Amino acid sequence: MAVLTDLRNRGVNDTFFVVCDGLKGLPEVVSNVWPQAIVQTCIIHLIRNTFRLTSRKYRDELKRDVRPIYTAINATAARAAFDDLADKWGQRYPAVVRLWDNAWAEFIPFLDYDVEIRRVICSTNAIESLNTRYRRAVRARGHFPNELAALKCLYLVTRSGPTGRGRARWTMRWKPALNAFAITFADRFPAAEDY
């Protein structure tokens, strides 16, 4: 709550989505800070946790059965695919069925949006990658003479990717998503002159 309130106080007035990986209590805190925000579970983490609970022997078959859930066109189709998964794998892996069932409320908002938005919000991996690069850059420099020097370092890390071509890659990935956000959230999307 303190972290999200601090972000709001620093100027983050609204968020469309908050993608998380199952942290208890986070959906309630997000709804208190940003009432219109949609809490979405990280699909990649959900899939990884599914395979962590299963034997390697059945991974390929289970992968084929899980895929229709997160690629479904809507929540009804996803629920039908989940029911098929539960019928087939519920006896052998009840923990997998429970995992998906417990995450269902934070999973289904993902299915209401265009493919471009789904591609961006399905995972927290990009954020985790950026945080890793921040930690590596800060650790390599040790200390900074002032706050501005630290901010410049983080800015440069943000603008460059792990390969040095990150800027072009991220902008190409986000252009279709930004267009979809502008259409979907037209009443809340900031005008170009606002940023």
C-alpha atoms as a PDB file:
ATOM      1  CA  MET A   1       0.000   0.000   0.000  1.00  0.00           C
ATOM      2  CA  ALA A   2       2.818   2.397   0.890  1.00  0.00           C
ATOM      3  CA  VAL A   3       4.620   1.802  -2.420  1.00  0.00           C
ATOM      4  CA  LEU A   4       1.511   2.290  -4.558  1.00  0.00           C
ATOM      5  CA  THR A   5       0.446   5.354  -2.580  1.00  0.00           C
ATOM      6  CA  ASP A   6       3.928   6.794  -3.050  1.00  0.00           C
ATOM      7  CA  LEU A   7       3.655   6.206  -6.818  1.00  0.00           C
ATOM      8  CA  ARG A   8       0.286   7.963  -6.866  1.00  0.00           C
ATOM      9  CA  ASN A   9       1.698  10.878  -4.861  1.00  0.00           C
ATOM     10  CA  ARG A  10       4.590  11.163  -7.327  1.00  0.00           C
ATOM     11  CA  GLY A  11       2.154  11.690 -10.201  1.00  0.00           C
ATOM     12  CA  VAL A  12       0.862   8.309 -11.388  1.00  0.00           C
ATOM     13  CA  ASN A  13      -2.788   9.342 -11.311  1.00  0.00           C
ATOM     14  CA  ASP A  14      -4.222   6.380 -13.197  1.00  0.00           C
ATOM     15  CA  THR A  15      -3.228   2.936 -14.440  1.00  0.00           C
ATOM     16  CA  PHE A  16      -5.011   0.705 -16.915  1.00  0.00           C
ATOM     17  CA  PHE A  17      -3.525  -2.588 -15.726  1.00  0.00           C
ATOM     18  CA  VAL A  18      -1.405  -3.840 -12.871  1.00  0.00           C
ATOM     19  CA  VAL A  19       0.185  -7.154 -13.823  1.00  0.00           C
ATOM     20  CA  CYS A  20       1.299  -9.173 -10.821  1.00  0.00           C
ATOM     21  CA  ASP A  21       2.475 -12.674 -10.111  1.00  0.00           C
ATOM     22  CA  GLY A  22       0.207 -13.786  -7.285  1.00  0.00           C
ATOM     23  CA  LEU A  23       1.217 -11.517  -4.417  1.00  0.00           C
ATOM     24  CA  LYS A  24      -1.448 -11.890  -1.717  1.00  0.00           C
ATOM     25  CA  GLY A  25      -3.509  -8.778  -1.035  1.00  0.00           C
ATOM     26  CA  LEU A  26      -2.231  -6.839  -4.040  1.00  0.00           C
ATOM     27  CA  PRO A  27      -5.589  -6.724  -5.890  1.00  0.00           C
ATOM     28  CA  GLU A  28      -7.285  -5.097  -2.886  1.00  0.00           C
ATOM     29  CA  VAL A  29      -4.489  -2.557  -2.441  1.00  0.00           C
ATOM     30  CA  VAL A  30      -4.525  -1.647  -6.139  1.00  0.00           C
ATOM     31  CA  SER A  31      -8.297  -1.094  -6.068  1.00  0.00           C
ATOM     32  CA  ASN A  32      -7.860   1.258  -3.096  1.00  0.00           C
ATOM     33  CA  VAL A  33      -5.155   3.333  -4.790  1.00  0.00           C
ATOM     34  CA  TRP A  34      -6.426   3.224  -8.404  1.00  0.00           C
ATOM     35  CA  PRO A  35     -10.114   2.240  -8.402  1.00  0.00           C
ATOM     36  CA  GLN A  36     -10.340   1.897 -12.203  1.00  0.00           C
ATOM     37  CA  ALA A  37      -7.206  -0.252 -12.564  1.00  0.00           C
ATOM     38  CA  ILE A  38      -7.550  -3.849 -13.693  1.00  0.00           C
ATOM     39  CA  VAL A  39      -5.462  -6.381 -11.776  1.00  0.00           C
ATOM     40  CA  GLN A  40      -4.108  -9.025 -14.124  1.00  0.00           C
ATOM     41  CA  THR A  41      -2.123 -12.079 -13.142  1.00  0.00           C
ATOM     42  CA  CYS A  42       1.043 -12.736 -15.110  1.00  0.00           C
ATOM     43  CA  ILE A  43       0.099 -15.425 -17.616  1.00  0.00           C
ATOM     44  CA  ILE A  44       3.704 -16.546 -18.069  1.00  0.00           C
ATOM     45  CA  HIS A  45       4.115 -17.074 -14.304  1.00  0.00           C
ATOM     46  CA  LEU A  46       0.850 -19.006 -14.210  1.00  0.00           C
ATOM     47  CA  ILE A  47       2.017 -21.295 -17.021  1.00  0.00           C
ATOM     48  CA  ARG A  48       5.449 -21.760 -15.418  1.00  0.00           C
ATOM     49  CA  ASN A  49       3.848 -22.674 -12.105  1.00  0.00           C
ATOM     50  CA  THR A  50       1.634 -25.163 -13.929  1.00  0.00           C
ATOM     51  CA  PHE A  51       4.648 -26.994 -15.335  1.00  0.00           C
ATOM     52  CA  ARG A  52       6.499 -26.783 -12.048  1.00  0.00           C
ATOM     53  CA  LEU A  53       3.758 -28.925 -10.506  1.00  0.00           C
ATOM     54  CA  THR A  54       3.820 -31.622 -13.199  1.00  0.00           C
ATOM     55  CA  SER A  55       6.037 -34.427 -14.374  1.00  0.00           C
ATOM     56  CA  ARG A  56       8.220 -33.949 -17.446  1.00  0.00           C
ATOM     57  CA  LYS A  57       6.641 -37.056 -18.917  1.00  0.00           C
ATOM     58  CA  TYR A  58       3.313 -35.244 -19.487  1.00  0.00           C
ATOM     59  CA  ARG A  59       4.578 -31.732 -20.253  1.00  0.00           C
ATOM     60  CA  ASP A  60       3.979 -31.757 -24.010  1.00  0.00           C
ATOM     61  CA  GLU A  61       0.460 -33.117 -23.652  1.00  0.00           C
ATOM     62  CA  LEU A  62      -0.339 -30.712 -20.821  1.00  0.00           C
ATOM     63  CA  LYS A  63       1.087 -27.820 -22.851  1.00  0.00           C
ATOM     64  CA  ARG A  64      -1.378 -28.613 -25.640  1.00  0.00           C
ATOM     65  CA  ASP A  65      -4.244 -28.696 -23.130  1.00  0.00           C
ATOM     66  CA  VAL A  66      -3.312 -25.437 -21.342  1.00  0.00           C
ATOM     67  CA  ARG A  67      -2.809 -23.396 -24.516  1.00  0.00           C
ATOM     68  CA  PRO A  68      -6.543 -23.144 -25.405  1.00  0.00           C
ATOM     69  CA  ILE A  69      -7.183 -21.524 -22.023  1.00  0.00           C
ATOM     70  CA  TYR A  70      -4.922 -18.500 -22.436  1.00  0.00           C
ATOM     71  CA  THR A  71      -5.470 -18.143 -26.189  1.00  0.00           C
ATOM     72  CA  ALA A  72      -9.281 -18.293 -25.943  1.00  0.00           C
ATOM     73  CA  ILE A  73     -11.276 -15.557 -27.620  1.00  0.00           C
ATOM     74  CA  ASN A  74     -13.292 -14.791 -24.464  1.00  0.00           C
ATOM     75  CA  ALA A  75     -13.846 -15.877 -20.869  1.00  0.00           C
ATOM     76  CA  THR A  76     -16.565 -18.387 -21.775  1.00  0.00           C
ATOM     77  CA  ALA A  77     -14.321 -20.225 -24.219  1.00  0.00           C
ATOM     78  CA  ALA A  78     -11.476 -20.125 -21.697  1.00  0.00           C
ATOM     79  CA  ARG A  79     -13.732 -21.602 -19.008  1.00  0.00           C
ATOM     80  CA  ALA A  80     -14.768 -24.415 -21.357  1.00  0.00           C
ATOM     81  CA  ALA A  81     -11.093 -25.153 -22.085  1.00  0.00           C
ATOM     82  CA  PHE A  82     -10.330 -25.045 -18.363  1.00  0.00           C
ATOM     83  CA  ASP A  83     -13.170 -27.475 -17.642  1.00  0.00           C
ATOM     84  CA  ASP A  84     -11.716 -29.831 -20.256  1.00  0.00           C
ATOM     85  CA  LEU A  85      -8.315 -29.529 -18.583  1.00  0.00           C
ATOM     86  CA  ALA A  86      -9.842 -30.192 -15.157  1.00  0.00           C
ATOM     87  CA  ASP A  87     -11.679 -33.269 -16.443  1.00  0.00           C
ATOM     88  CA  LYS A  88      -8.563 -34.684 -18.085  1.00  0.00           C
ATOM     89  CA  TRP A  89      -5.881 -33.775 -15.537  1.00  0.00           C
ATOM     90  CA  GLY A  90      -7.835 -33.228 -12.296  1.00  0.00           C
ATOM     91  CA  GLN A  91      -7.221 -36.735 -10.964  1.00  0.00           C
ATOM     92  CA  ARG A  92      -3.515 -36.794 -11.748  1.00  0.00           C
ATOM     93  CA  TYR A  93      -2.689 -33.144 -10.941  1.00  0.00           C
ATOM     94  CA  PRO A  94      -5.323 -31.560  -8.673  1.00  0.00           C
ATOM     95  CA  ALA A  95      -2.816 -28.859  -7.672  1.00  0.00           C
ATOM     96  CA  VAL A  96      -2.723 -27.593 -11.276  1.00  0.00           C
ATOM     97  CA  VAL A  97      -6.515 -27.329 -11.374  1.00  0.00           C
ATOM     98  CA  ARG A  98      -6.505 -25.533  -8.008  1.00  0.00           C
ATOM     99  CA  LEU A  99      -3.758 -23.155  -9.209  1.00  0.00           C
ATOM    100  CA  TRP A 100      -5.781 -22.065 -12.246  1.00  0.00           C
ATOM    101  CA  ASP A 101      -9.031 -21.952 -10.279  1.00  0.00           C
ATOM    102  CA  ASN A 102      -7.499 -19.709  -7.585  1.00  0.00           C
ATOM    103  CA  ALA A 103      -6.016 -17.356 -10.202  1.00  0.00           C
ATOM    104  CA  TRP A 104      -9.138 -17.296 -12.392  1.00  0.00           C
ATOM    105  CA  ALA A 105     -10.520 -13.931 -11.206  1.00  0.00           C
ATOM    106  CA  GLU A 106      -7.226 -12.187 -12.017  1.00  0.00           C
ATOM    107  CA  PHE A 107      -6.711 -14.222 -15.207  1.00  0.00           C
ATOM    108  CA  ILE A 108      -9.903 -13.493 -17.147  1.00  0.00           C
ATOM    109  CA  PRO A 109      -9.576  -9.675 -17.556  1.00  0.00           C
ATOM    110  CA  PHE A 110      -6.792 -10.469 -20.014  1.00  0.00           C
ATOM    111  CA  LEU A 111      -9.303 -12.125 -22.347  1.00  0.00           C
ATOM    112  CA  ASP A 112     -11.416  -8.990 -22.839  1.00  0.00           C
ATOM    113  CA  TYR A 113      -8.810  -7.138 -24.891  1.00  0.00           C
ATOM    114  CA  ASP A 114      -7.228  -7.087 -28.342  1.00  0.00           C
ATOM    115  CA  VAL A 115      -4.273  -9.256 -29.243  1.00  0.00           C
ATOM    116  CA  GLU A 116      -1.973  -6.216 -29.138  1.00  0.00           C
ATOM    117  CA  ILE A 117      -2.902  -5.464 -25.534  1.00  0.00           C
ATOM    118  CA  ARG A 118      -2.746  -9.152 -24.588  1.00  0.00           C
ATOM    119  CA  ARG A 119       0.778  -9.395 -25.944  1.00  0.00           C
ATOM    120  CA  VAL A 120       1.956  -6.562 -23.687  1.00  0.00           C
ATOM    121  CA  ILE A 121       0.129  -7.429 -20.460  1.00  0.00           C
ATOM    122  CA  CYS A 122       0.514 -11.210 -20.460  1.00  0.00           C
ATOM    123  CA  SER A 123       3.788 -11.093 -18.572  1.00  0.00           C
ATOM    124  CA  THR A 124       5.854  -9.147 -16.070  1.00  0.00           C
ATOM    125  CA  ASN A 125       9.051 -10.454 -17.711  1.00  0.00           C
ATOM    126  CA  ALA A 126       9.893  -7.142 -19.418  1.00  0.00           C
ATOM    127  CA  ILE A 127       9.661  -5.318 -16.095  1.00  0.00           C
ATOM    128  CA  GLU A 128      11.702  -7.997 -14.338  1.00  0.00           C
ATOM    129  CA  SER A 129      14.328  -7.756 -17.073  1.00  0.00           C
ATOM    130  CA  LEU A 130      14.520  -3.984 -16.707  1.00  0.00           C
ATOM    131  CA  ASN A 131      14.804  -4.252 -12.912  1.00  0.00           C
ATOM    132  CA  THR A 132      17.644  -6.757 -13.323  1.00  0.00           C
ATOM    133  CA  ARG A 133      19.474  -4.368 -15.645  1.00  0.00           C
ATOM    134  CA  TYR A 134      18.950  -1.525 -13.139  1.00  0.00           C
ATOM    135  CA  ARG A 135      20.407  -3.595 -10.306  1.00  0.00           C
ATOM    136  CA  ARG A 136      23.382  -4.642 -12.452  1.00  0.00           C
ATOM    137  CA  ALA A 137      24.127  -1.038 -13.462  1.00  0.00           C
ATOM    138  CA  VAL A 138      23.866   0.297  -9.912  1.00  0.00           C
ATOM    139  CA  ARG A 139      25.986  -2.535  -8.509  1.00  0.00           C
ATOM    140  CA  ALA A 140      28.679  -1.966 -11.156  1.00  0.00           C
ATOM    141  CA  ARG A 141      29.028   1.725 -10.236  1.00  0.00           C
ATOM    142  CA  GLY A 142      28.887   1.241  -6.479  1.00  0.00           C
ATOM    143  CA  HIS A 143      27.810   4.710  -5.429  1.00  0.00           C
ATOM    144  CA  PHE A 144      26.695   7.994  -6.975  1.00  0.00           C
ATOM    145  CA  PRO A 145      27.748  11.522  -6.011  1.00  0.00           C
ATOM    146  CA  ASN A 146      24.112  12.719  -6.040  1.00  0.00           C
ATOM    147  CA  GLU A 147      20.579  11.728  -6.969  1.00  0.00           C
ATOM    148  CA  LEU A 148      20.812  13.274 -10.434  1.00  0.00           C
ATOM    149  CA  ALA A 149      23.780  11.048 -11.303  1.00  0.00           C
ATOM    150  CA  ALA A 150      21.779   7.964 -10.273  1.00  0.00           C
ATOM    151  CA  LEU A 151      18.806   9.083 -12.348  1.00  0.00           C
ATOM    152  CA  LYS A 152      21.043   9.637 -15.396  1.00  0.00           C
ATOM    153  CA  CYS A 153      22.457   6.141 -14.990  1.00  0.00           C
ATOM    154  CA  LEU A 154      18.973   4.595 -14.820  1.00  0.00           C
ATOM    155  CA  TYR A 155      17.832   6.689 -17.782  1.00  0.00           C
ATOM    156  CA  LEU A 156      20.710   5.421 -19.903  1.00  0.00           C
ATOM    157  CA  VAL A 157      20.018   1.829 -18.887  1.00  0.00           C
ATOM    158  CA  THR A 158      16.347   2.305 -19.807  1.00  0.00           C
ATOM    159  CA  ARG A 159      17.167   3.743 -23.234  1.00  0.00           C
ATOM    160  CA  SER A 160      19.601   0.983 -24.147  1.00  0.00           C
ATOM    161  CA  GLY A 161      18.732  -2.678 -24.233  1.00  0.00           C
ATOM    162  CA  PRO A 162      20.863  -5.657 -23.290  1.00  0.00           C
ATOM    163  CA  THR A 163      22.113  -5.723 -26.885  1.00  0.00           C
ATOM    164  CA  GLY A 164      22.440  -1.954 -27.256  1.00  0.00           C
ATOM    165  CA  ARG A 165      19.448  -1.835 -29.640  1.00  0.00           C
ATOM    166  CA  GLY A 166      16.723  -1.939 -26.989  1.00  0.00           C
ATOM    167  CA  ARG A 167      15.144   1.390 -27.833  1.00  0.00           C
ATOM    168  CA  ALA A 168      14.084   0.391 -31.340  1.00  0.00           C
ATOM    169  CA  ARG A 169      12.905  -3.026 -30.198  1.00  0.00           C
ATOM    170  CA  TRP A 170      10.702  -1.687 -27.383  1.00  0.00           C
ATOM    171  CA  THR A 171       9.190   1.085 -29.457  1.00  0.00           C
ATOM    172  CA  MET A 172       8.289  -1.366 -32.215  1.00  0.00           C
ATOM    173  CA  ARG A 173       6.648  -3.694 -29.711  1.00  0.00           C
ATOM    174  CA  TRP A 174       4.638  -0.952 -28.000  1.00  0.00           C
ATOM    175  CA  LYS A 175       3.283   0.963 -31.022  1.00  0.00           C
ATOM    176  CA  PRO A 176       0.395  -1.460 -31.764  1.00  0.00           C
ATOM    177  CA  ALA A 177      -0.370  -1.739 -28.041  1.00  0.00           C
ATOM    178  CA  LEU A 178      -0.451   2.050 -27.591  1.00  0.00           C
ATOM    179  CA  ASN A 179      -2.892   2.328 -30.482  1.00  0.00           C
ATOM    180  CA  ALA A 180      -5.098  -0.374 -28.938  1.00  0.00           C
ATOM    181  CA  PHE A 181      -4.918   1.347 -25.518  1.00  0.00           C
ATOM    182  CA  ALA A 182      -5.892   4.679 -27.121  1.00  0.00           C
ATOM    183  CA  ILE A 183      -8.985   3.078 -28.641  1.00  0.00           C
ATOM    184  CA  THR A 184      -9.966   0.881 -25.686  1.00  0.00           C
ATOM    185  CA  PHE A 185      -9.357   3.501 -22.988  1.00  0.00           C
ATOM    186  CA  ALA A 186     -10.172   6.623 -25.038  1.00  0.00           C
ATOM    187  CA  ASP A 187     -11.743   8.439 -22.081  1.00  0.00           C
ATOM    188  CA  ARG A 188      -8.685   7.837 -19.841  1.00  0.00           C
ATOM    189  CA  PHE A 189      -5.842   7.807 -22.378  1.00  0.00           C
ATOM    190  CA  PRO A 190      -3.707  10.958 -22.195  1.00  0.00           C
ATOM    191  CA  ALA A 191      -3.510  13.212 -25.216  1.00  0.00           C
ATOM    192  CA  ALA A 192      -0.180  13.355 -27.063  1.00  0.00           C
ATOM    193  CA  GLU A 193       0.557  16.837 -25.735  1.00  0.00           C
ATOM    194  CA  ASP A 194       0.233  15.553 -22.119  1.00  0.00           C
ATOM    195  CA  TYR A 195       3.445  13.484 -22.331  1.00  0.00           C
END
